[in-house]
Protein backbone atom coordinates (compact mmCIF):
# COMPACT_ATOMS: atom_id res chain seq x y z
CA MET A 1 20.39 45.27 40.00
CA LEU A 2 22.85 43.21 42.11
CA CYS A 3 20.09 41.35 43.63
CA PHE A 4 18.48 41.25 40.37
CA SER A 5 21.53 39.33 38.68
CA VAL A 6 21.97 37.36 41.80
CA ILE A 7 18.43 36.05 41.40
CA PHE A 8 18.80 35.88 37.76
CA ILE A 9 21.80 33.80 37.38
CA LEU A 10 20.42 31.12 40.05
CA VAL A 11 17.30 30.68 38.03
CA LEU A 12 19.28 30.46 34.74
CA CYS A 13 21.61 27.59 36.37
CA ILE A 14 18.62 25.71 37.43
CA ILE A 15 16.96 26.19 34.06
CA GLY A 16 20.26 25.07 32.40
CA VAL A 17 20.57 21.73 34.75
CA ILE A 18 16.84 21.19 34.25
CA GLY A 19 17.21 21.82 30.46
CA TYR A 20 20.16 19.68 30.11
CA SER A 21 18.55 16.75 32.02
CA PHE A 22 15.38 17.13 29.74
CA PHE A 23 16.96 17.49 26.59
CA SER A 24 19.43 14.54 27.24
CA LYS A 25 16.31 12.41 27.86
CA VAL A 26 14.53 13.69 24.54
CA LEU A 27 17.50 13.24 22.49
CA THR A 28 18.07 9.82 23.56
CA ASN A 29 14.42 8.79 23.21
CA GLU A 30 14.30 10.38 19.92
CA ILE A 31 17.46 8.62 18.78
CA LEU A 32 15.75 5.34 19.93
CA SER A 33 12.55 6.40 18.21
CA ASN A 34 14.31 6.89 14.93
CA THR A 35 16.37 3.74 14.96
CA GLU A 36 13.03 1.92 15.84
CA LYS A 37 11.25 3.74 12.88
CA ILE A 38 14.41 2.77 10.77
CA ILE A 39 14.11 -0.79 11.50
CA ASP A 40 10.39 -0.70 11.03
CA GLN A 41 10.85 0.79 7.62
CA THR A 42 13.30 -1.87 6.61
CA SER A 43 11.53 -4.62 8.13
CA SER A 44 8.39 -3.13 6.11
CA ASN A 45 10.67 -3.35 2.74
CA ILE A 46 11.75 -6.59 3.48
CA ASP A 47 8.47 -8.04 4.26
CA LEU A 48 7.13 -6.12 0.95
CA TYR A 49 9.72 -7.62 -1.06
CA PHE A 50 9.36 -11.30 0.18
CA GLY A 51 5.71 -10.84 0.48
CA GLN A 52 5.60 -10.21 -3.53
CA ILE A 53 8.09 -13.41 -3.71
CA LYS A 54 5.46 -15.48 -1.58
CA ASN A 55 2.59 -14.33 -3.73
CA LEU A 56 4.34 -15.14 -6.69
CA THR A 57 5.18 -18.71 -5.53
CA GLN A 58 1.65 -19.31 -4.31
CA ILE A 59 0.17 -18.43 -7.85
CA THR A 60 3.00 -20.33 -9.78
CA ALA A 61 2.51 -23.52 -7.38
CA SER A 62 -1.24 -23.50 -8.36
CA ASN A 63 -0.78 -23.11 -11.86
CA TYR A 64 -3.06 -25.55 -13.67
CA ASN A 65 -0.03 -26.42 -16.42
CA ILE A 66 2.20 -27.61 -13.69
CA ILE A 67 -0.47 -29.45 -12.01
CA ASN A 68 -1.59 -31.20 -14.98
CA ALA A 69 1.84 -31.90 -16.08
CA LEU A 70 2.55 -33.63 -12.50
CA LYS A 71 -0.71 -35.60 -12.82
CA GLU A 72 0.41 -36.91 -16.31
CA ASP A 73 3.99 -37.69 -14.72
CA GLU A 74 2.21 -39.38 -11.92
CA ASN A 75 -0.01 -41.45 -14.36
CA GLY A 76 2.96 -42.35 -16.61
CA GLN A 77 1.28 -41.08 -19.53
CA ASP A 78 4.05 -39.56 -21.97
CA SER A 79 2.03 -38.58 -24.50
CA ASN A 80 1.38 -34.83 -23.26
CA LEU A 81 4.70 -34.79 -21.12
CA LEU A 82 6.57 -32.41 -24.00
CA PHE A 83 3.62 -30.18 -24.24
CA TYR A 84 3.24 -29.78 -20.53
CA ASN A 85 6.90 -29.29 -20.05
CA ARG A 86 7.21 -26.33 -22.46
CA ARG A 87 4.16 -24.91 -20.79
CA ILE A 88 5.94 -25.17 -17.42
CA SER A 89 9.12 -23.68 -18.74
CA ASP A 90 6.89 -20.88 -20.00
CA VAL A 91 5.49 -20.42 -16.59
CA LEU A 92 8.66 -20.34 -14.58
CA GLN A 93 10.09 -17.87 -17.15
CA GLN A 94 7.04 -15.59 -16.83
CA THR A 95 7.04 -15.70 -12.79
CA LYS A 96 11.00 -14.67 -13.22
CA LYS A 97 9.88 -11.61 -15.25
CA PHE A 98 7.45 -10.52 -12.61
CA ASN A 99 10.41 -10.13 -10.05
CA LEU A 100 13.92 -9.80 -11.77
CA ARG A 101 15.32 -10.73 -8.39
CA ILE A 102 14.48 -14.04 -8.62
CA LYS A 103 17.58 -16.00 -9.63
CA ASP A 104 16.02 -19.33 -10.75
CA LEU A 105 13.18 -21.78 -9.75
CA ILE A 106 13.24 -25.55 -9.68
CA ILE A 107 10.24 -28.01 -9.23
CA ILE A 108 11.04 -31.05 -7.21
CA ARG A 109 9.58 -34.42 -7.40
CA ARG A 110 8.39 -36.49 -4.54
CA ASP A 111 11.44 -38.60 -4.34
CA GLY A 112 13.62 -35.31 -3.87
CA THR A 113 14.91 -35.20 -7.59
CA CYS A 114 14.50 -32.34 -10.19
CA TYR A 115 11.68 -32.28 -12.57
CA ASN A 116 11.88 -28.81 -14.15
CA TYR A 117 13.72 -25.93 -13.74
CA SER A 118 14.28 -22.21 -15.19
CA ASN A 119 18.04 -21.98 -15.31
CA SER A 120 21.02 -24.23 -15.85
CA CYS A 121 20.85 -28.45 -15.55
CA VAL A 122 20.65 -29.87 -12.29
CA LYS A 123 22.22 -32.94 -11.32
CA GLU A 124 20.04 -36.12 -11.78
CA ASP A 125 21.19 -37.78 -8.57
CA TYR A 126 20.89 -34.65 -6.39
CA ASN A 127 18.25 -35.30 -3.62
CA PHE A 128 16.96 -31.91 -2.25
CA PHE A 129 14.95 -33.50 0.71
CA GLU A 130 18.07 -34.97 2.15
CA GLN A 131 19.68 -31.52 2.45
CA ASP A 132 19.91 -29.85 6.15
CA TRP A 133 18.67 -26.55 4.42
CA PHE A 134 15.46 -27.81 3.09
CA PRO A 135 12.48 -27.77 4.96
CA LYS A 136 10.13 -30.53 6.04
CA PHE A 137 6.34 -30.10 5.06
CA ASP A 138 3.06 -31.54 6.23
CA ASP A 139 1.54 -32.58 3.03
CA LYS A 140 -2.04 -31.29 3.65
CA PHE A 141 -0.85 -27.52 3.97
CA ALA A 142 0.59 -25.67 1.12
CA LYS A 143 2.72 -23.12 3.55
CA VAL A 144 5.47 -21.16 2.10
CA CYS A 145 8.53 -21.53 3.83
CA PHE A 146 11.70 -19.39 3.73
CA THR A 147 14.96 -20.94 4.19
CA GLY A 148 18.30 -19.55 5.30
CA ILE A 149 21.46 -18.96 3.05
CA HIS A 150 22.68 -22.19 1.30
CA GLN A 151 25.05 -22.97 -1.17
CA GLN A 152 23.71 -23.92 -4.79
CA ASP A 153 25.73 -27.12 -5.19
CA TYR A 154 23.01 -29.04 -7.39
CA TYR A 155 23.87 -27.61 -10.76
CA VAL A 156 26.04 -29.46 -13.08
CA LEU A 157 28.17 -26.49 -14.16
CA ASP A 158 30.25 -24.93 -11.37
CA THR A 159 29.78 -21.59 -12.85
CA ASN A 160 26.05 -21.50 -11.80
CA CYS A 161 26.94 -22.75 -8.20
CA GLU A 162 28.66 -19.61 -7.44
CA GLY A 163 27.31 -17.28 -4.24
CA SER A 164 24.89 -18.08 -1.86
CA VAL A 165 21.48 -17.73 -1.89
CA ALA A 166 18.15 -17.69 0.42
CA SER A 167 14.85 -19.59 -1.13
CA THR A 168 11.34 -20.15 -0.76
CA VAL A 169 9.60 -23.47 -0.74
CA ILE A 170 6.00 -24.53 -1.16
CA PRO A 171 4.31 -27.73 -1.84
CA ILE A 172 2.57 -28.22 -5.44
CA MET A 173 -0.83 -29.38 -4.73
CA ASP A 174 -4.35 -29.37 -6.48
CA TYR A 175 -6.49 -26.99 -4.50
CA MET A 176 -9.49 -28.18 -6.55
CA ASP A 177 -9.24 -31.77 -5.17
CA ILE A 178 -10.88 -32.31 -1.66
CA SER A 179 -7.69 -34.80 -1.26
CA ARG A 180 -5.31 -32.39 -1.61
CA GLN A 181 -2.76 -34.49 -3.27
CA PHE A 182 0.78 -33.28 -3.04
CA PHE A 183 2.67 -33.70 -6.08
CA ALA A 184 5.95 -31.80 -5.92
CA MET A 185 7.71 -29.04 -4.40
CA LEU A 186 8.63 -25.60 -5.79
CA LEU A 187 11.90 -23.99 -5.08
CA CYS A 188 12.46 -20.58 -5.67
CA ASN A 189 15.93 -19.15 -4.95
CA LEU A 190 16.57 -15.52 -4.31
CA ASN A 191 19.87 -13.41 -4.95
CA ILE A 192 20.85 -12.57 -1.29
CA ASN A 193 22.71 -9.86 -2.27
CA ASP A 194 19.63 -8.05 -3.52
CA VAL A 195 18.84 -7.71 0.69
CA LYS A 196 21.37 -4.59 0.47
CA GLU A 197 18.98 -2.86 -2.04
CA LEU A 198 16.21 -3.00 0.98
CA THR A 199 18.44 -1.50 3.68
CA LYS A 200 19.73 1.14 0.96
CA GLY A 201 19.19 4.65 2.69
CA ALA A 202 18.47 3.60 5.96
CA GLU A 203 21.42 5.02 7.87
CA LEU A 204 22.18 4.29 11.29
CA GLY A 205 24.74 7.06 12.09
CA LYS A 206 28.32 6.85 10.99
CA THR A 207 29.45 3.27 12.38
CA GLY A 208 25.91 1.71 12.93
CA PHE A 209 24.89 -1.13 10.65
CA PHE A 210 22.21 -3.95 10.16
CA LEU A 211 22.49 -7.57 10.42
CA ILE A 212 19.61 -10.03 9.49
CA ILE A 213 19.82 -13.66 10.89
CA ASP A 214 17.25 -16.65 9.86
CA LYS A 215 15.13 -18.74 12.04
CA ASN A 216 18.24 -20.98 12.85
CA ASN A 217 20.07 -18.07 14.33
CA GLU A 218 22.46 -17.79 11.03
CA LEU A 219 23.59 -14.68 9.48
CA VAL A 220 21.55 -14.07 6.28
CA TYR A 221 22.93 -10.63 5.82
CA ASN A 222 26.03 -8.81 7.30
CA PRO A 223 27.17 -6.00 5.05
CA THR A 224 30.19 -5.28 7.11
CA TYR A 225 31.35 -8.84 7.44
CA TYR A 226 31.89 -8.04 11.07
CA VAL A 227 33.51 -10.66 13.27
CA PHE A 228 31.76 -11.09 16.58
CA ASP A 229 33.15 -12.86 19.57
CA GLU A 230 31.19 -15.73 21.00
CA ASP A 231 30.29 -14.25 24.17
CA PHE A 232 28.95 -11.14 22.28
CA LYS A 233 26.74 -13.44 19.98
CA GLU A 234 25.56 -15.53 22.78
CA ASN A 235 24.27 -12.45 24.68
CA ILE A 236 22.69 -11.23 21.37
CA LEU A 237 20.92 -14.34 20.59
CA THR A 238 19.81 -14.68 24.41
CA ASN A 239 17.90 -11.38 24.26
CA LEU A 240 16.21 -11.97 20.70
CA ASN A 241 13.34 -14.07 22.26
CA SER A 242 10.66 -11.75 21.68
CA ASP A 243 9.49 -10.28 18.39
CA SER A 244 10.87 -6.81 18.88
CA GLY A 245 12.70 -4.88 21.52
CA GLN A 246 15.91 -3.27 22.49
CA PHE A 247 18.92 -3.65 24.77
CA ILE A 248 22.38 -2.72 25.41
CA SER A 249 25.27 -4.97 25.22
CA LYS A 250 29.13 -4.94 25.65
CA HIS A 251 31.46 -5.78 22.81
CA ASN A 252 35.27 -5.23 22.89
CA LYS A 253 34.71 -3.13 25.89
CA ASN A 254 32.53 -0.81 24.46
CA HIS A 255 28.76 -0.59 24.65
CA VAL A 256 26.46 -0.85 21.92
CA LEU A 257 22.58 -0.41 21.50
CA ILE A 258 20.83 -3.30 19.91
CA VAL A 259 17.33 -2.80 18.34
CA HIS A 260 15.57 -5.85 16.59
CA LYS A 261 12.61 -6.69 14.94
CA THR A 262 11.32 -9.86 13.68
CA SER A 263 9.80 -10.05 9.81
CA LYS A 264 6.48 -11.12 9.66
CA ILE A 265 6.79 -12.93 6.24
CA THR A 266 10.08 -14.65 6.75
CA GLY A 267 10.45 -14.84 10.55
CA TRP A 268 13.94 -13.58 10.13
CA LYS A 269 15.59 -11.04 12.83
CA ILE A 270 16.45 -7.54 11.56
CA ILE A 271 19.07 -6.08 13.84
CA SER A 272 20.43 -2.61 14.11
CA ILE A 273 23.73 -2.22 16.08
CA ILE A 274 24.87 1.25 17.14
CA PRO A 275 27.70 2.29 19.30
CA MET A 276 26.71 3.87 22.56
CA LYS A 277 29.45 6.43 21.74
CA GLU A 278 28.03 7.72 19.08
CA ILE A 279 24.63 8.02 20.84
CA LEU A 280 25.86 9.92 23.69
CA ASN A 281 28.10 12.33 21.70
CA PRO A 282 25.50 14.95 21.06
CA LEU A 283 24.73 14.57 24.67
CA ASN A 284 28.37 16.01 25.64
CA ASN A 285 28.12 18.37 22.94
CA ILE A 286 24.71 19.69 24.59
CA LYS A 287 26.42 19.79 28.10
CA SER A 288 29.34 21.70 27.08
CA PHE A 289 27.05 24.01 24.82
CA THR A 290 24.42 24.41 27.95
CA PHE A 291 27.61 25.55 30.46
CA ILE A 292 29.11 27.94 27.86
CA LEU A 293 25.57 29.37 27.29
CA ILE A 294 24.99 29.97 30.87
CA ILE A 295 28.10 31.69 31.51
CA ILE A 296 27.53 33.97 28.55
CA CYS A 297 24.14 34.81 29.41
CA VAL A 298 25.58 35.43 33.29
CA ILE A 299 28.01 37.91 31.72
CA ILE A 300 25.32 39.51 29.29
CA VAL A 301 23.08 40.22 32.14
CA ILE A 302 25.23 41.60 34.20
CA ILE A 303 26.72 44.10 31.72
CA VAL A 304 23.69 45.07 29.50
CA SER A 305 20.43 44.40 31.68
CA ILE A 306 20.25 48.02 32.59
CA LEU A 307 21.43 49.40 29.43
CA ILE A 308 18.99 47.87 27.03
CA SER A 309 16.03 47.30 28.87
CA ARG A 310 14.29 50.59 28.38
CA ARG A 311 15.47 50.62 24.65
CA ILE A 312 13.74 47.37 24.08
CA THR A 313 10.62 48.04 25.82
CA LYS A 314 8.86 49.68 23.45
CA PRO A 315 9.67 47.77 20.20
CA ILE A 316 9.13 44.54 21.98
CA SER A 317 5.52 45.82 23.21
CA LEU A 318 4.92 47.10 19.49
CA LEU A 319 5.79 43.45 18.26
CA ILE A 320 3.56 41.70 20.85
CA ASP A 321 0.72 43.89 19.52
CA LYS A 322 1.05 42.83 16.05
CA MET A 323 1.87 39.08 17.10
CA VAL A 324 -1.41 39.48 18.73
CA ASP A 325 -3.19 40.53 15.32
CA ILE A 326 -1.50 37.76 13.52
CA GLY A 327 -2.64 35.10 16.00
CA ARG A 328 -6.19 36.46 15.06
CA GLY A 329 -5.73 35.52 11.48
CA ASP A 330 -4.31 38.86 10.24
CA PHE A 331 -1.49 37.57 7.91
CA ASP A 332 -0.82 40.74 6.04
CA ILE A 333 0.76 42.97 8.74
CA LYS A 334 4.18 43.87 8.53
CA LEU A 335 6.48 43.51 11.42
CA TYR A 336 9.65 45.15 10.19
CA ASP A 337 11.23 47.36 12.85
CA ASP A 338 14.85 48.57 12.35
CA SER A 339 14.74 50.61 15.73
CA THR A 340 17.60 48.29 16.53
CA ILE A 341 19.61 45.43 14.59
CA GLU A 342 18.14 42.94 16.90
CA MET A 343 14.56 43.79 16.38
CA GLU A 344 15.26 44.21 12.51
CA MET A 345 16.78 40.70 12.37
CA LEU A 346 13.64 39.56 14.38
CA SER A 347 10.90 41.27 12.56
CA SER A 348 12.30 40.43 9.27
CA ASN A 349 12.58 36.78 9.71
CA ILE A 350 9.07 36.71 11.20
CA ASP A 351 8.02 38.46 8.05
CA ILE A 352 9.69 36.04 6.09
CA MET A 353 8.08 33.07 7.71
CA ILE A 354 4.64 34.65 7.83
CA GLU A 355 5.15 35.02 4.05
CA ARG A 356 6.10 31.29 3.67
CA ILE A 357 3.09 30.27 5.74
CA ASN A 358 0.83 32.19 3.57
CA ARG A 359 2.45 30.32 0.60
CA LEU A 360 2.46 26.90 2.14
CA ASN A 361 -1.28 27.64 2.98
CA ARG A 362 -1.72 28.41 -0.92
CA ASP A 363 0.35 25.18 -1.79
CA ILE A 364 -1.75 23.03 0.53
CA TYR A 365 -4.90 24.35 -0.81
CA SER A 366 -3.88 23.88 -4.37
CA TYR A 367 -2.45 20.47 -3.61
CA LYS A 368 -5.69 19.21 -2.02
CA MET A 369 -7.62 20.55 -4.96
CA LYS A 370 -5.36 18.69 -7.54
CA SER A 371 -5.51 15.57 -5.38
CA LYS A 372 -9.13 15.79 -5.31
CA GLU A 373 -9.45 16.27 -9.01
CA ALA A 374 -7.11 13.23 -9.52
CA GLU A 375 -8.89 10.91 -7.20
CA ILE A 376 -12.11 11.95 -9.13
CA LYS A 377 -10.45 10.74 -12.50
CA ALA A 378 -8.87 7.76 -11.01
CA LEU A 379 -12.33 6.38 -9.68
CA GLN A 380 -13.95 7.48 -12.98
CA SER A 381 -11.55 5.47 -15.24
CA GLN A 382 -12.36 2.08 -13.67
CA ILE A 383 -13.58 -0.39 -16.35
CA ASN A 384 -14.47 -3.87 -15.49
CA PRO A 385 -12.29 -6.36 -17.52
CA HIS A 386 -14.52 -9.42 -16.45
CA PHE A 387 -17.38 -7.58 -18.52
CA LEU A 388 -15.15 -7.26 -21.48
CA TYR A 389 -13.85 -10.94 -21.02
CA ASN A 390 -17.09 -12.51 -20.67
CA THR A 391 -18.44 -10.26 -23.68
CA LEU A 392 -15.75 -11.53 -26.06
CA GLN A 393 -16.42 -14.96 -24.72
CA SER A 394 -19.89 -14.70 -26.24
CA VAL A 395 -18.58 -13.23 -29.60
CA LYS A 396 -16.47 -16.31 -29.77
CA ALA A 397 -19.47 -18.51 -29.42
CA LEU A 398 -21.55 -16.54 -31.85
CA ALA A 399 -18.36 -16.85 -34.27
CA LEU A 400 -18.38 -20.71 -33.59
CA PHE A 401 -22.25 -20.50 -34.85
CA LYS A 402 -21.52 -18.03 -37.67
CA LYS A 403 -23.73 -15.96 -36.43
CA THR A 404 -22.09 -12.80 -38.17
CA ASN A 405 -25.08 -10.38 -37.87
CA ASP A 406 -25.10 -10.80 -33.97
CA ILE A 407 -21.32 -10.49 -34.08
CA SER A 408 -21.49 -7.27 -35.89
CA LYS A 409 -24.05 -5.75 -33.27
CA ILE A 410 -22.25 -6.97 -30.44
CA VAL A 411 -18.73 -5.47 -31.59
CA THR A 412 -20.61 -1.94 -32.58
CA LEU A 413 -22.08 -1.67 -29.20
CA ILE A 414 -18.86 -2.62 -27.46
CA GLY A 415 -17.28 -0.03 -29.56
CA ASN A 416 -19.91 2.69 -28.56
CA MET A 417 -19.42 1.71 -24.90
CA LEU A 418 -15.32 2.23 -25.15
CA ARG A 419 -15.55 5.26 -27.24
CA TYR A 420 -18.09 6.95 -24.71
CA ALA A 421 -15.91 5.46 -21.55
CA ILE A 422 -12.21 6.33 -22.99
CA TYR A 423 -12.21 9.09 -25.81
CA ASN A 424 -14.97 11.28 -24.23
CA SER A 425 -12.82 13.60 -22.00
CA ASP A 426 -16.00 15.54 -20.58
CA GLU A 427 -16.35 14.66 -16.74
CA LEU A 428 -20.10 15.65 -17.10
CA VAL A 429 -22.39 14.57 -19.88
CA ASN A 430 -26.15 14.92 -20.49
CA ILE A 431 -28.12 12.16 -18.90
CA SER A 432 -29.28 11.09 -22.26
CA SER A 433 -25.81 10.32 -23.42
CA GLU A 434 -25.57 8.36 -19.92
CA ILE A 435 -28.90 6.63 -20.74
CA LYS A 436 -27.59 5.58 -24.35
CA HIS A 437 -24.51 4.44 -22.72
CA LEU A 438 -26.58 2.05 -20.56
CA SER A 439 -28.82 0.87 -23.36
CA ASP A 440 -25.73 -0.43 -25.27
CA TYR A 441 -24.68 -2.24 -22.05
CA ILE A 442 -27.86 -3.79 -21.51
CA LYS A 443 -28.23 -4.65 -25.22
CA ILE A 444 -25.10 -6.49 -24.70
CA GLN A 445 -25.94 -8.23 -21.45
CA ASN A 446 -29.19 -9.52 -23.26
CA TYR A 447 -27.17 -11.13 -25.69
CA ARG A 448 -25.02 -13.01 -23.17
CA TYR A 449 -28.08 -14.03 -21.09
CA SER A 450 -30.59 -14.49 -24.12
CA ASN A 451 -32.90 -11.91 -23.26
CA LYS A 452 -33.63 -12.99 -19.61
CA PHE A 453 -34.40 -9.57 -18.21
CA GLU A 454 -36.05 -6.22 -19.69
CA TYR A 455 -35.63 -2.69 -18.61
CA GLU A 456 -37.40 0.54 -19.05
CA VAL A 457 -36.76 4.01 -18.72
CA LEU A 458 -39.17 6.36 -17.25
CA ALA A 459 -38.25 10.11 -17.21
CA GLU A 460 -40.02 13.07 -15.81
CA ILE A 461 -37.74 15.72 -17.19
CA LYS A 462 -35.94 16.00 -20.52
CA LEU A 463 -32.89 14.33 -20.54
CA ASP A 464 -31.10 16.70 -22.78
CA GLN A 465 -31.66 19.57 -20.58
CA TYR A 466 -29.75 18.08 -17.49
CA LYS A 467 -25.93 16.80 -16.88
CA THR A 468 -24.76 14.24 -14.75
CA LEU A 469 -21.23 12.81 -14.07
CA LYS A 470 -20.54 9.86 -16.40
CA LEU A 471 -20.44 6.20 -16.34
CA ILE A 472 -22.56 6.21 -12.78
CA LEU A 473 -25.60 4.30 -14.27
CA GLN A 474 -23.71 1.27 -15.71
CA PRO A 475 -22.22 -0.13 -12.64
CA ILE A 476 -25.20 -0.01 -10.63
CA VAL A 477 -27.21 -2.10 -13.49
CA GLU A 478 -24.39 -4.47 -13.70
CA ASN A 479 -24.78 -4.95 -9.93
CA SER A 480 -28.54 -5.77 -10.61
CA ILE A 481 -27.91 -8.20 -13.33
CA ILE A 482 -24.97 -9.89 -11.94
CA HIS A 483 -25.72 -10.23 -8.13
CA GLY A 484 -29.68 -9.26 -7.87
CA LEU A 485 -31.70 -11.06 -10.76
CA GLN A 486 -33.04 -14.51 -10.16
CA GLU A 487 -32.42 -17.33 -12.58
CA ASN A 488 -36.15 -18.71 -12.54
CA ILE A 489 -37.92 -15.44 -12.88
CA LYS A 490 -38.21 -12.76 -15.97
CA GLY A 491 -35.96 -9.84 -14.71
CA LEU A 492 -36.99 -6.40 -15.09
CA ILE A 493 -34.87 -3.30 -14.45
CA THR A 494 -36.87 0.08 -14.00
CA ILE A 495 -34.98 3.66 -14.31
CA ASN A 496 -37.01 6.61 -13.13
CA ILE A 497 -35.37 10.03 -13.54
CA PHE A 498 -37.25 13.04 -11.72
CA LEU A 499 -36.77 16.11 -9.95
CA HIS A 500 -36.86 16.35 -6.14
CA ASP A 501 -36.03 19.32 -3.93
CA ASN A 502 -34.02 21.01 -6.72
CA ASN A 503 -32.07 17.99 -7.21
CA VAL A 504 -32.02 14.87 -9.92
CA HIS A 505 -33.16 11.44 -8.68
CA LEU A 506 -31.93 8.54 -10.97
CA ARG A 507 -33.65 5.73 -9.43
CA ILE A 508 -32.93 1.95 -10.49
CA ASP A 509 -35.47 -0.88 -9.48
CA ASP A 510 -35.01 -4.48 -10.01
CA ASN A 511 -37.28 -7.51 -9.23
CA GLY A 512 -34.55 -9.65 -8.26
CA LYS A 513 -33.78 -11.78 -5.08
CA GLY A 514 -33.13 -8.62 -2.82
CA MET A 515 -31.39 -8.68 0.64
CA SER A 516 -31.93 -9.39 3.81
CA SER A 517 -31.77 -6.37 6.53
CA GLU A 518 -28.34 -7.30 8.07
CA GLU A 519 -26.71 -7.62 4.38
CA LEU A 520 -28.24 -4.24 3.57
CA GLN A 521 -26.96 -2.67 6.48
CA ARG A 522 -23.54 -3.99 5.55
CA ILE A 523 -23.32 -2.59 2.14
CA ARG A 524 -24.78 0.54 3.17
CA SER A 525 -21.64 0.74 6.03
CA TYR A 526 -19.41 -0.40 3.44
CA ILE A 527 -20.18 2.10 0.43
CA ASN A 528 -19.96 5.04 2.93
CA ASP A 529 -16.84 4.06 4.95
CA THR A 530 -13.66 5.42 2.65
CA SER A 531 -11.38 3.41 5.18
CA GLN A 532 -12.45 0.07 3.97
CA LYS A 533 -11.23 -1.84 0.99
CA ASP A 534 -12.92 -2.47 -2.25
CA LYS A 535 -14.95 -5.82 -2.24
CA SER A 536 -15.93 -7.37 -5.59
CA ASN A 537 -19.81 -7.51 -4.94
CA SER A 538 -19.93 -3.73 -4.32
CA ILE A 539 -17.11 -1.67 -5.78
CA GLY A 540 -19.58 -0.32 -7.93
CA LEU A 541 -21.75 1.05 -5.68
CA LYS A 542 -18.78 2.27 -3.59
CA ASN A 543 -17.09 3.90 -6.61
CA VAL A 544 -20.19 5.78 -7.84
CA ASN A 545 -20.86 7.08 -4.13
CA GLU A 546 -17.25 8.09 -3.75
CA ARG A 547 -17.11 10.14 -7.18
CA ILE A 548 -20.51 12.03 -6.51
CA LYS A 549 -19.32 12.92 -3.10
CA LEU A 550 -16.06 13.95 -4.21
CA LYS A 551 -17.54 15.96 -6.89
CA TYR A 552 -20.77 17.69 -5.34
CA GLY A 553 -19.99 17.23 -1.19
CA GLU A 554 -21.58 15.21 1.24
CA LEU A 555 -25.12 15.89 0.68
CA TYR A 556 -25.58 14.04 -2.54
CA GLY A 557 -24.27 9.99 -3.11
CA VAL A 558 -26.14 6.73 -3.44
CA GLU A 559 -28.97 5.67 -1.53
CA ILE A 560 -29.84 1.77 -1.30
CA ASP A 561 -33.16 0.01 -0.26
CA SER A 562 -33.86 -3.64 -0.50
CA LYS A 563 -36.32 -6.38 0.66
CA LEU A 564 -35.57 -10.23 0.56
CA ASP A 565 -37.33 -12.05 -2.63
CA ILE A 566 -38.90 -8.59 -3.60
CA GLY A 567 -36.05 -6.59 -5.25
CA THR A 568 -33.40 -3.87 -4.55
CA ARG A 569 -33.75 0.06 -5.19
CA VAL A 570 -30.59 2.30 -5.68
CA THR A 571 -30.95 5.94 -5.67
CA ILE A 572 -28.54 8.32 -7.19
CA ILE A 573 -28.93 11.97 -5.94
CA ILE A 574 -26.91 14.51 -7.88
CA PRO A 575 -27.31 18.45 -7.87
CA GLN A 576 -29.69 19.87 -10.88
CA ILE A 577 -27.11 21.02 -13.54
CA ASN A 578 -28.49 22.48 -16.61
CA SER A 579 -26.57 21.84 -20.22
């Protein structure tokens, strides 16, 4: 036992040293990894926030009411200026409602003076283009530019000039005009204090904190109002050449870890600063703990190794046998063993762990089923707003010609479709009900396109005897009408319904323009690839295919064939389900 104890103690010391070195590296890397993840998350939050602001300013800058008003102002026509100014004010106020963090918006003429605004009055003699913080633009490009922090010294009232803001600036130009004429600039001011909300919840230890600097190396966000000496600031700026990275710097005789990343939207640098003492403190605890643990283990080995060796052999062997059975998948085994206190605690906790694993497996299975059902309902609830809009435009046109009978028929058909799509909560419906819904849709389209196409239904089975998913035929026929049928040929859509290999086949044929083999292959790849985003030309096919596969499995779904200048065939395959 003496030789055994000496050998064991030496091995234990070696393991302790190696373990300390290993865990020190792991912990250091984990801290760096977590810090990078926090930076990435914070950067993503900031990019998401400013990305929304960027999209809003682009949409606002291309608004036709603003462009028309600026054209009227350029031409010197004052008759409609009041009308357009009201419209512009409505647009600016509406933009502010989309994002409550927008403080105000200002439209600036070519000469640098204010044209319109959404907040308080702007000084008439204030020229924005002469300000150092205002960006310079190429007239041919409508690029959104983010400025650094600046004062709002252009308001008439001093109460509106309080606080600093960051801004986005974008040229206003008519994108429908080939000349890309530049009319004015749109200035969107943002409450910089809202950046604090974007970093909320991102903790960098007890004393770590975030900084944000703009492209001109000026502080945008400094939550601690920490004062840096010039050497430390210069060292930071010197190491910020790359888009992201990490380095260690010295400040006030203390080393700090600096991790930075560049925002893809604003170009600002998000910087985290963490004192190395805080990072290394857990390592010192590990070192002390490892040393104490080794001493304790040595004492325990020498004193009790002989006494308990035989006592623990039998229960451990039994426990191993049971664990082997658990490893094979038998989770109904109970490991409880009260032969010793240690075995009782060990076996009890393992039993608790196994029960939690079983409960977790059940929860995961239940979650997957609920998630699958939710995804099916989400895909099923999609309604094409463009169809409703275009149909209502047709009703409006009929109203102008006072064709009340046609209006009554169209409204009735729309009501039937909405009742079927919204108020019928059943997931599965008779095929006859789906055909009736499709018939209402085609009748509406014939009103819109002046009977430029015909359709026929050929059924080899009784439609009332079989069920199908709701709303799977109308998206397919809609694709045929909008993207397939040719203007100079009378369109024909044929729907064949038959049984094959104990499955129901619903085949939709049209005599439209068809597709090339390359385009057909692209569509097939798209509708069967769940990782690709929706595309307007094929969203109906993709949604129907995903709904069928989610409901019935991968053996079912949508198949598509097409030949250029001949037509397209879409076949829906679903299992045979009797009513």
